[in-house]
Amino acid sequence: MRIKAASRIIKLLPKAKKIVGNPERFSKTMKSGLEIVKGNKKFGDIQGDVFDLVHLARDTFKGSYRAFSKKNMLMIVAGILYLVNPLDMIPDFILGIGWTDDLAVLTYLISKFSEELERYRDWKILSKEDLL
C-alpha cells in the first residue's frame, strides 16, 4: 500500500509545483483539504496529524518554518491534491470504500514525515512561547 500511495503522490508532483507557484491556489487547496478532513468521520483517527501536515506545508510555504525542504512540502501538497480530487483512484462517492485510497495517501505522508511533524510541533510550541 505504501508503494501505491507514494506513486500516486509522485504523479501529482508537477501539479503540486504549479500550485506552490501560485499563493492563491496554494491557500485554496490547503483550505479545501482541511475542510474535507474536518467534515469526514473516516479521517477521525488521523485528523490532527493531517491538520499539522497542512500547517507544516503552509509555514514552509510562507518561509516561517525553514527546517523542512521545499521538495517535501511538494509531497504534502500532492497528497492534499489527491484528497481534494473527487475522481481519484477510487472515487469518493463510492460508499464504504471511496475514502480508502485517500486515507492510504495521507497515512503514508504522516508516516513518512512523523519525525518532522514532531519537530514542527515542538517549533510551534516554542514560537508561541517566544510571543509571550
N, C-alpha and C. Protein backbone atom coordinates (compact mmCIF):
# COMPACT_ATOMS: atom_id res chain seq x y z
N MET A 1 0.82 -1.19 0.00
CA MET A 1 0.00 0.00 0.00
C MET A 1 0.87 1.26 0.00
N ARG A 2 2.02 1.19 0.69
CA ARG A 2 2.92 2.35 0.75
C ARG A 2 3.45 2.71 -0.64
N ILE A 3 3.74 1.69 -1.45
CA ILE A 3 4.27 1.94 -2.79
C ILE A 3 3.20 2.60 -3.65
N LYS A 4 1.96 2.14 -3.54
CA LYS A 4 0.89 2.74 -4.32
C LYS A 4 0.66 4.19 -3.89
N ALA A 5 0.67 4.43 -2.59
CA ALA A 5 0.48 5.79 -2.09
C ALA A 5 1.59 6.70 -2.58
N ALA A 6 2.82 6.23 -2.50
CA ALA A 6 3.97 7.03 -2.96
C ALA A 6 3.87 7.31 -4.45
N SER A 7 3.47 6.32 -5.24
CA SER A 7 3.38 6.53 -6.69
C SER A 7 2.26 7.52 -7.03
N ARG A 8 1.18 7.50 -6.27
CA ARG A 8 0.09 8.45 -6.51
C ARG A 8 0.56 9.87 -6.22
N ILE A 9 1.35 10.03 -5.17
CA ILE A 9 1.89 11.35 -4.83
C ILE A 9 2.87 11.81 -5.90
N ILE A 10 3.75 10.94 -6.33
CA ILE A 10 4.76 11.29 -7.34
C ILE A 10 4.10 11.77 -8.63
N LYS A 11 3.01 11.13 -9.02
CA LYS A 11 2.31 11.53 -10.25
C LYS A 11 1.76 12.95 -10.15
N LEU A 12 1.45 13.39 -8.93
CA LEU A 12 0.86 14.72 -8.75
C LEU A 12 1.89 15.82 -8.46
N LEU A 13 3.16 15.47 -8.38
CA LEU A 13 4.19 16.47 -8.07
C LEU A 13 4.23 17.63 -9.08
N PRO A 14 4.09 17.38 -10.39
CA PRO A 14 4.08 18.53 -11.32
C PRO A 14 2.93 19.51 -11.05
N LYS A 15 1.76 18.98 -10.75
CA LYS A 15 0.62 19.86 -10.41
C LYS A 15 0.87 20.57 -9.09
N ALA A 16 1.45 19.86 -8.14
CA ALA A 16 1.76 20.47 -6.85
C ALA A 16 2.72 21.64 -7.02
N LYS A 17 3.69 21.46 -7.90
CA LYS A 17 4.68 22.52 -8.15
C LYS A 17 3.99 23.77 -8.72
N LYS A 18 3.03 23.58 -9.60
CA LYS A 18 2.28 24.72 -10.16
C LYS A 18 1.47 25.41 -9.06
N ILE A 19 0.88 24.63 -8.18
CA ILE A 19 0.08 25.21 -7.10
C ILE A 19 0.96 26.00 -6.15
N VAL A 20 2.14 25.48 -5.84
CA VAL A 20 3.06 26.19 -4.95
C VAL A 20 3.52 27.50 -5.59
N GLY A 21 3.53 27.56 -6.91
CA GLY A 21 3.90 28.78 -7.61
C GLY A 21 2.81 29.84 -7.62
N ASN A 22 1.65 29.50 -7.09
CA ASN A 22 0.52 30.43 -7.08
C ASN A 22 -0.03 30.51 -5.66
N PRO A 23 0.30 31.54 -4.91
CA PRO A 23 -0.12 31.62 -3.49
C PRO A 23 -1.62 31.47 -3.27
N GLU A 24 -2.42 32.02 -4.17
CA GLU A 24 -3.88 31.92 -4.01
C GLU A 24 -4.35 30.47 -4.17
N ARG A 25 -3.84 29.79 -5.19
CA ARG A 25 -4.21 28.38 -5.40
C ARG A 25 -3.69 27.50 -4.27
N PHE A 26 -2.49 27.81 -3.79
CA PHE A 26 -1.93 27.05 -2.67
C PHE A 26 -2.86 27.16 -1.46
N SER A 27 -3.21 28.37 -1.11
CA SER A 27 -4.07 28.59 0.05
C SER A 27 -5.42 27.90 -0.11
N LYS A 28 -5.99 28.01 -1.29
CA LYS A 28 -7.30 27.41 -1.57
C LYS A 28 -7.24 25.88 -1.49
N THR A 29 -6.18 25.29 -2.01
CA THR A 29 -6.02 23.83 -1.99
C THR A 29 -5.86 23.33 -0.55
N MET A 30 -5.04 24.01 0.22
CA MET A 30 -4.82 23.60 1.61
C MET A 30 -6.12 23.73 2.42
N LYS A 31 -6.85 24.81 2.20
CA LYS A 31 -8.12 25.02 2.89
C LYS A 31 -9.13 23.94 2.51
N SER A 32 -9.20 23.60 1.24
CA SER A 32 -10.12 22.55 0.79
C SER A 32 -9.79 21.21 1.43
N GLY A 33 -8.50 20.89 1.52
CA GLY A 33 -8.09 19.64 2.16
C GLY A 33 -8.50 19.60 3.62
N LEU A 34 -8.31 20.71 4.33
CA LEU A 34 -8.70 20.76 5.74
C LEU A 34 -10.21 20.60 5.90
N GLU A 35 -10.97 21.22 5.03
CA GLU A 35 -12.44 21.11 5.10
C GLU A 35 -12.91 19.68 4.88
N ILE A 36 -12.30 18.98 3.95
CA ILE A 36 -12.69 17.59 3.69
C ILE A 36 -12.39 16.73 4.91
N VAL A 37 -11.22 16.87 5.47
CA VAL A 37 -10.83 16.04 6.62
C VAL A 37 -11.68 16.38 7.84
N LYS A 38 -11.92 17.66 8.05
CA LYS A 38 -12.69 18.10 9.21
C LYS A 38 -14.13 17.59 9.15
N GLY A 39 -14.68 17.51 7.97
CA GLY A 39 -16.07 17.13 7.84
C GLY A 39 -16.33 15.66 7.61
N ASN A 40 -15.32 14.80 7.76
CA ASN A 40 -15.49 13.40 7.42
C ASN A 40 -14.99 12.50 8.56
N LYS A 41 -15.90 11.72 9.11
CA LYS A 41 -15.56 10.83 10.23
C LYS A 41 -14.51 9.79 9.86
N LYS A 42 -14.39 9.48 8.59
CA LYS A 42 -13.41 8.47 8.14
C LYS A 42 -11.98 8.89 8.49
N PHE A 43 -11.76 10.19 8.63
CA PHE A 43 -10.42 10.71 8.93
C PHE A 43 -10.21 11.00 10.41
N GLY A 44 -11.16 10.58 11.24
CA GLY A 44 -11.10 10.89 12.67
C GLY A 44 -9.79 10.55 13.34
N ASP A 45 -9.24 9.38 13.09
CA ASP A 45 -8.00 8.95 13.75
C ASP A 45 -6.77 9.73 13.32
N ILE A 46 -6.80 10.28 12.12
CA ILE A 46 -5.61 10.98 11.63
C ILE A 46 -5.85 12.48 11.44
N GLN A 47 -7.01 12.94 11.83
CA GLN A 47 -7.38 14.33 11.59
C GLN A 47 -6.34 15.32 12.12
N GLY A 48 -5.91 15.16 13.36
CA GLY A 48 -4.93 16.07 13.93
C GLY A 48 -3.62 16.06 13.18
N ASP A 49 -3.18 14.88 12.77
CA ASP A 49 -1.94 14.77 12.00
C ASP A 49 -2.05 15.43 10.63
N VAL A 50 -3.21 15.29 9.99
CA VAL A 50 -3.41 15.93 8.69
C VAL A 50 -3.41 17.44 8.86
N PHE A 51 -4.08 17.93 9.90
CA PHE A 51 -4.06 19.38 10.16
C PHE A 51 -2.63 19.86 10.33
N ASP A 52 -1.83 19.11 11.09
CA ASP A 52 -0.44 19.51 11.30
C ASP A 52 0.37 19.44 10.01
N LEU A 53 0.11 18.44 9.16
CA LEU A 53 0.80 18.38 7.86
C LEU A 53 0.51 19.61 7.02
N VAL A 54 -0.76 20.00 6.99
CA VAL A 54 -1.15 21.17 6.20
C VAL A 54 -0.51 22.43 6.77
N HIS A 55 -0.52 22.57 8.08
CA HIS A 55 0.10 23.74 8.70
C HIS A 55 1.62 23.74 8.50
N LEU A 56 2.22 22.57 8.53
CA LEU A 56 3.65 22.45 8.25
C LEU A 56 3.94 22.95 6.83
N ALA A 57 3.12 22.51 5.87
CA ALA A 57 3.30 22.96 4.48
C ALA A 57 3.07 24.46 4.37
N ARG A 58 2.05 24.99 5.04
CA ARG A 58 1.77 26.43 5.00
C ARG A 58 2.93 27.24 5.58
N ASP A 59 3.44 26.83 6.73
CA ASP A 59 4.53 27.56 7.36
C ASP A 59 5.82 27.46 6.55
N THR A 60 6.02 26.33 5.88
CA THR A 60 7.17 26.19 4.98
C THR A 60 6.99 27.10 3.77
N PHE A 61 5.80 27.11 3.23
CA PHE A 61 5.48 27.96 2.08
C PHE A 61 5.72 29.44 2.40
N LYS A 62 5.27 29.87 3.58
CA LYS A 62 5.43 31.27 4.00
C LYS A 62 6.87 31.61 4.36
N GLY A 63 7.68 30.58 4.62
CA GLY A 63 9.07 30.81 4.99
C GLY A 63 9.29 30.96 6.49
N SER A 64 8.23 30.80 7.28
CA SER A 64 8.40 30.93 8.72
C SER A 64 8.98 29.66 9.35
N TYR A 65 8.77 28.52 8.72
CA TYR A 65 9.38 27.27 9.17
C TYR A 65 10.37 26.85 8.10
N ARG A 66 11.65 26.90 8.44
CA ARG A 66 12.69 26.68 7.43
C ARG A 66 13.38 25.33 7.54
N ALA A 67 12.96 24.51 8.48
CA ALA A 67 13.64 23.23 8.69
C ALA A 67 13.13 22.13 7.76
N PHE A 68 12.15 22.43 6.94
CA PHE A 68 11.52 21.44 6.06
C PHE A 68 11.82 21.83 4.62
N SER A 69 12.20 20.87 3.82
CA SER A 69 12.57 21.18 2.44
C SER A 69 11.35 21.47 1.57
N LYS A 70 11.57 22.25 0.55
CA LYS A 70 10.50 22.56 -0.42
C LYS A 70 10.05 21.28 -1.14
N LYS A 71 11.00 20.38 -1.38
CA LYS A 71 10.67 19.12 -2.04
C LYS A 71 9.67 18.32 -1.20
N ASN A 72 9.91 18.24 0.09
CA ASN A 72 8.99 17.53 0.97
C ASN A 72 7.66 18.25 1.09
N MET A 73 7.69 19.59 1.06
CA MET A 73 6.45 20.34 1.09
C MET A 73 5.61 20.01 -0.14
N LEU A 74 6.28 19.85 -1.29
CA LEU A 74 5.56 19.49 -2.51
C LEU A 74 4.86 18.14 -2.36
N MET A 75 5.47 17.23 -1.64
CA MET A 75 4.83 15.92 -1.42
C MET A 75 3.54 16.08 -0.63
N ILE A 76 3.57 16.94 0.38
CA ILE A 76 2.35 17.18 1.16
C ILE A 76 1.28 17.81 0.28
N VAL A 77 1.67 18.80 -0.52
CA VAL A 77 0.71 19.45 -1.42
C VAL A 77 0.13 18.42 -2.39
N ALA A 78 0.96 17.54 -2.92
CA ALA A 78 0.48 16.50 -3.83
C ALA A 78 -0.51 15.57 -3.12
N GLY A 79 -0.23 15.24 -1.87
CA GLY A 79 -1.15 14.40 -1.10
C GLY A 79 -2.49 15.08 -0.87
N ILE A 80 -2.46 16.37 -0.59
CA ILE A 80 -3.71 17.12 -0.41
C ILE A 80 -4.45 17.24 -1.74
N LEU A 81 -3.71 17.41 -2.82
CA LEU A 81 -4.34 17.41 -4.14
C LEU A 81 -5.07 16.10 -4.41
N TYR A 82 -4.44 15.00 -4.04
CA TYR A 82 -5.08 13.70 -4.22
C TYR A 82 -6.38 13.64 -3.42
N LEU A 83 -6.34 14.17 -2.22
CA LEU A 83 -7.52 14.17 -1.34
C LEU A 83 -8.66 15.00 -1.93
N VAL A 84 -8.36 16.17 -2.46
CA VAL A 84 -9.42 17.05 -2.94
C VAL A 84 -9.96 16.65 -4.30
N ASN A 85 -9.28 15.73 -4.99
CA ASN A 85 -9.76 15.25 -6.28
C ASN A 85 -10.83 14.19 -6.06
N PRO A 86 -12.08 14.50 -6.36
CA PRO A 86 -13.15 13.52 -6.10
C PRO A 86 -13.12 12.30 -7.01
N LEU A 87 -12.38 12.37 -8.09
CA LEU A 87 -12.31 11.25 -9.03
C LEU A 87 -10.93 10.62 -9.05
N ASP A 88 -10.39 10.36 -7.86
CA ASP A 88 -9.08 9.74 -7.77
C ASP A 88 -9.20 8.24 -8.04
N MET A 89 -8.25 7.47 -7.61
CA MET A 89 -8.21 6.04 -7.93
C MET A 89 -9.53 5.32 -7.58
N ILE A 90 -10.03 5.56 -6.40
CA ILE A 90 -11.35 5.03 -6.00
C ILE A 90 -12.21 6.26 -5.74
N PRO A 91 -13.14 6.60 -6.63
CA PRO A 91 -13.94 7.81 -6.46
C PRO A 91 -14.59 7.87 -5.08
N ASP A 92 -14.55 9.07 -4.48
CA ASP A 92 -15.01 9.25 -3.11
C ASP A 92 -16.50 8.99 -2.94
N PHE A 93 -17.27 9.08 -4.00
CA PHE A 93 -18.71 8.89 -3.88
C PHE A 93 -19.10 7.41 -3.76
N ILE A 94 -18.15 6.48 -3.92
CA ILE A 94 -18.45 5.06 -3.75
C ILE A 94 -18.51 4.78 -2.24
N LEU A 95 -19.70 4.52 -1.78
CA LEU A 95 -19.93 4.35 -0.34
C LEU A 95 -19.11 3.20 0.23
N GLY A 96 -18.56 3.44 1.39
CA GLY A 96 -17.84 2.40 2.10
C GLY A 96 -16.35 2.36 1.80
N ILE A 97 -15.99 2.45 0.52
CA ILE A 97 -14.56 2.33 0.19
C ILE A 97 -13.99 3.55 -0.52
N GLY A 98 -14.81 4.53 -0.82
CA GLY A 98 -14.38 5.68 -1.60
C GLY A 98 -13.25 6.49 -0.99
N TRP A 99 -13.14 6.47 0.33
CA TRP A 99 -12.10 7.26 1.00
C TRP A 99 -10.86 6.43 1.33
N THR A 100 -10.89 5.15 1.02
CA THR A 100 -9.79 4.25 1.38
C THR A 100 -8.46 4.70 0.79
N ASP A 101 -8.46 5.04 -0.48
CA ASP A 101 -7.21 5.45 -1.12
C ASP A 101 -6.71 6.79 -0.57
N ASP A 102 -7.65 7.69 -0.26
CA ASP A 102 -7.26 8.97 0.33
C ASP A 102 -6.61 8.76 1.70
N LEU A 103 -7.22 7.88 2.48
CA LEU A 103 -6.64 7.55 3.78
C LEU A 103 -5.25 6.95 3.64
N ALA A 104 -5.08 6.10 2.65
CA ALA A 104 -3.76 5.47 2.43
C ALA A 104 -2.71 6.51 2.09
N VAL A 105 -3.05 7.46 1.23
CA VAL A 105 -2.10 8.51 0.85
C VAL A 105 -1.75 9.37 2.05
N LEU A 106 -2.76 9.79 2.81
CA LEU A 106 -2.50 10.64 3.97
C LEU A 106 -1.74 9.89 5.07
N THR A 107 -2.08 8.64 5.28
CA THR A 107 -1.37 7.83 6.28
C THR A 107 0.09 7.65 5.88
N TYR A 108 0.32 7.47 4.59
CA TYR A 108 1.69 7.36 4.10
C TYR A 108 2.48 8.64 4.41
N LEU A 109 1.89 9.79 4.13
CA LEU A 109 2.57 11.06 4.40
C LEU A 109 2.84 11.25 5.88
N ILE A 110 1.87 10.91 6.70
CA ILE A 110 2.04 11.03 8.16
C ILE A 110 3.19 10.15 8.62
N SER A 111 3.23 8.95 8.10
CA SER A 111 4.30 8.02 8.46
C SER A 111 5.65 8.52 7.97
N LYS A 112 5.70 8.96 6.73
CA LYS A 112 6.96 9.43 6.13
C LYS A 112 7.53 10.63 6.87
N PHE A 113 6.66 11.51 7.32
CA PHE A 113 7.11 12.74 7.95
C PHE A 113 6.84 12.78 9.46
N SER A 114 6.70 11.62 10.08
CA SER A 114 6.35 11.59 11.51
C SER A 114 7.39 12.30 12.38
N GLU A 115 8.66 12.07 12.12
CA GLU A 115 9.70 12.74 12.92
C GLU A 115 9.68 14.25 12.68
N GLU A 116 9.49 14.64 11.43
CA GLU A 116 9.43 16.07 11.12
C GLU A 116 8.20 16.71 11.75
N LEU A 117 7.09 15.98 11.79
CA LEU A 117 5.89 16.51 12.44
C LEU A 117 6.15 16.78 13.92
N GLU A 118 6.88 15.90 14.57
CA GLU A 118 7.21 16.12 15.99
C GLU A 118 8.09 17.35 16.16
N ARG A 119 9.08 17.52 15.29
CA ARG A 119 9.94 18.71 15.36
C ARG A 119 9.12 19.98 15.09
N TYR A 120 8.21 19.88 14.14
CA TYR A 120 7.36 21.03 13.81
C TYR A 120 6.47 21.40 14.99
N ARG A 121 5.88 20.40 15.61
CA ARG A 121 5.03 20.67 16.78
C ARG A 121 5.83 21.34 17.89
N ASP A 122 7.04 20.86 18.13
CA ASP A 122 7.91 21.49 19.13
C ASP A 122 8.21 22.94 18.74
N TRP A 123 8.49 23.16 17.47
CA TRP A 123 8.77 24.51 16.98
C TRP A 123 7.58 25.43 17.20
N LYS A 124 6.38 24.91 16.93
CA LYS A 124 5.16 25.71 17.12
C LYS A 124 5.02 26.12 18.59
N ILE A 125 5.26 25.18 19.47
CA ILE A 125 5.16 25.48 20.90
C ILE A 125 6.18 26.54 21.29
N LEU A 126 7.42 26.34 20.84
CA LEU A 126 8.48 27.30 21.18
C LEU A 126 8.22 28.69 20.56
N SER A 127 7.72 28.71 19.35
CA SER A 127 7.47 30.01 18.71
C SER A 127 6.32 30.74 19.41
N LYS A 128 5.36 30.01 19.94
CA LYS A 128 4.28 30.66 20.73
C LYS A 128 4.83 31.19 22.03
N GLU A 129 5.74 30.44 22.65
CA GLU A 129 6.33 30.88 23.91
C GLU A 129 7.15 32.15 23.71
N ASP A 130 7.77 32.28 22.56
CA ASP A 130 8.55 33.49 22.25
C ASP A 130 7.67 34.74 22.19
N LEU A 131 6.40 34.54 21.83
CA LEU A 131 5.49 35.67 21.74
C LEU A 131 4.99 36.15 23.10
N LEU A 132 5.10 35.31 24.12
CA LEU A 132 4.61 35.67 25.45
C LEU A 132 5.50 36.64 26.15
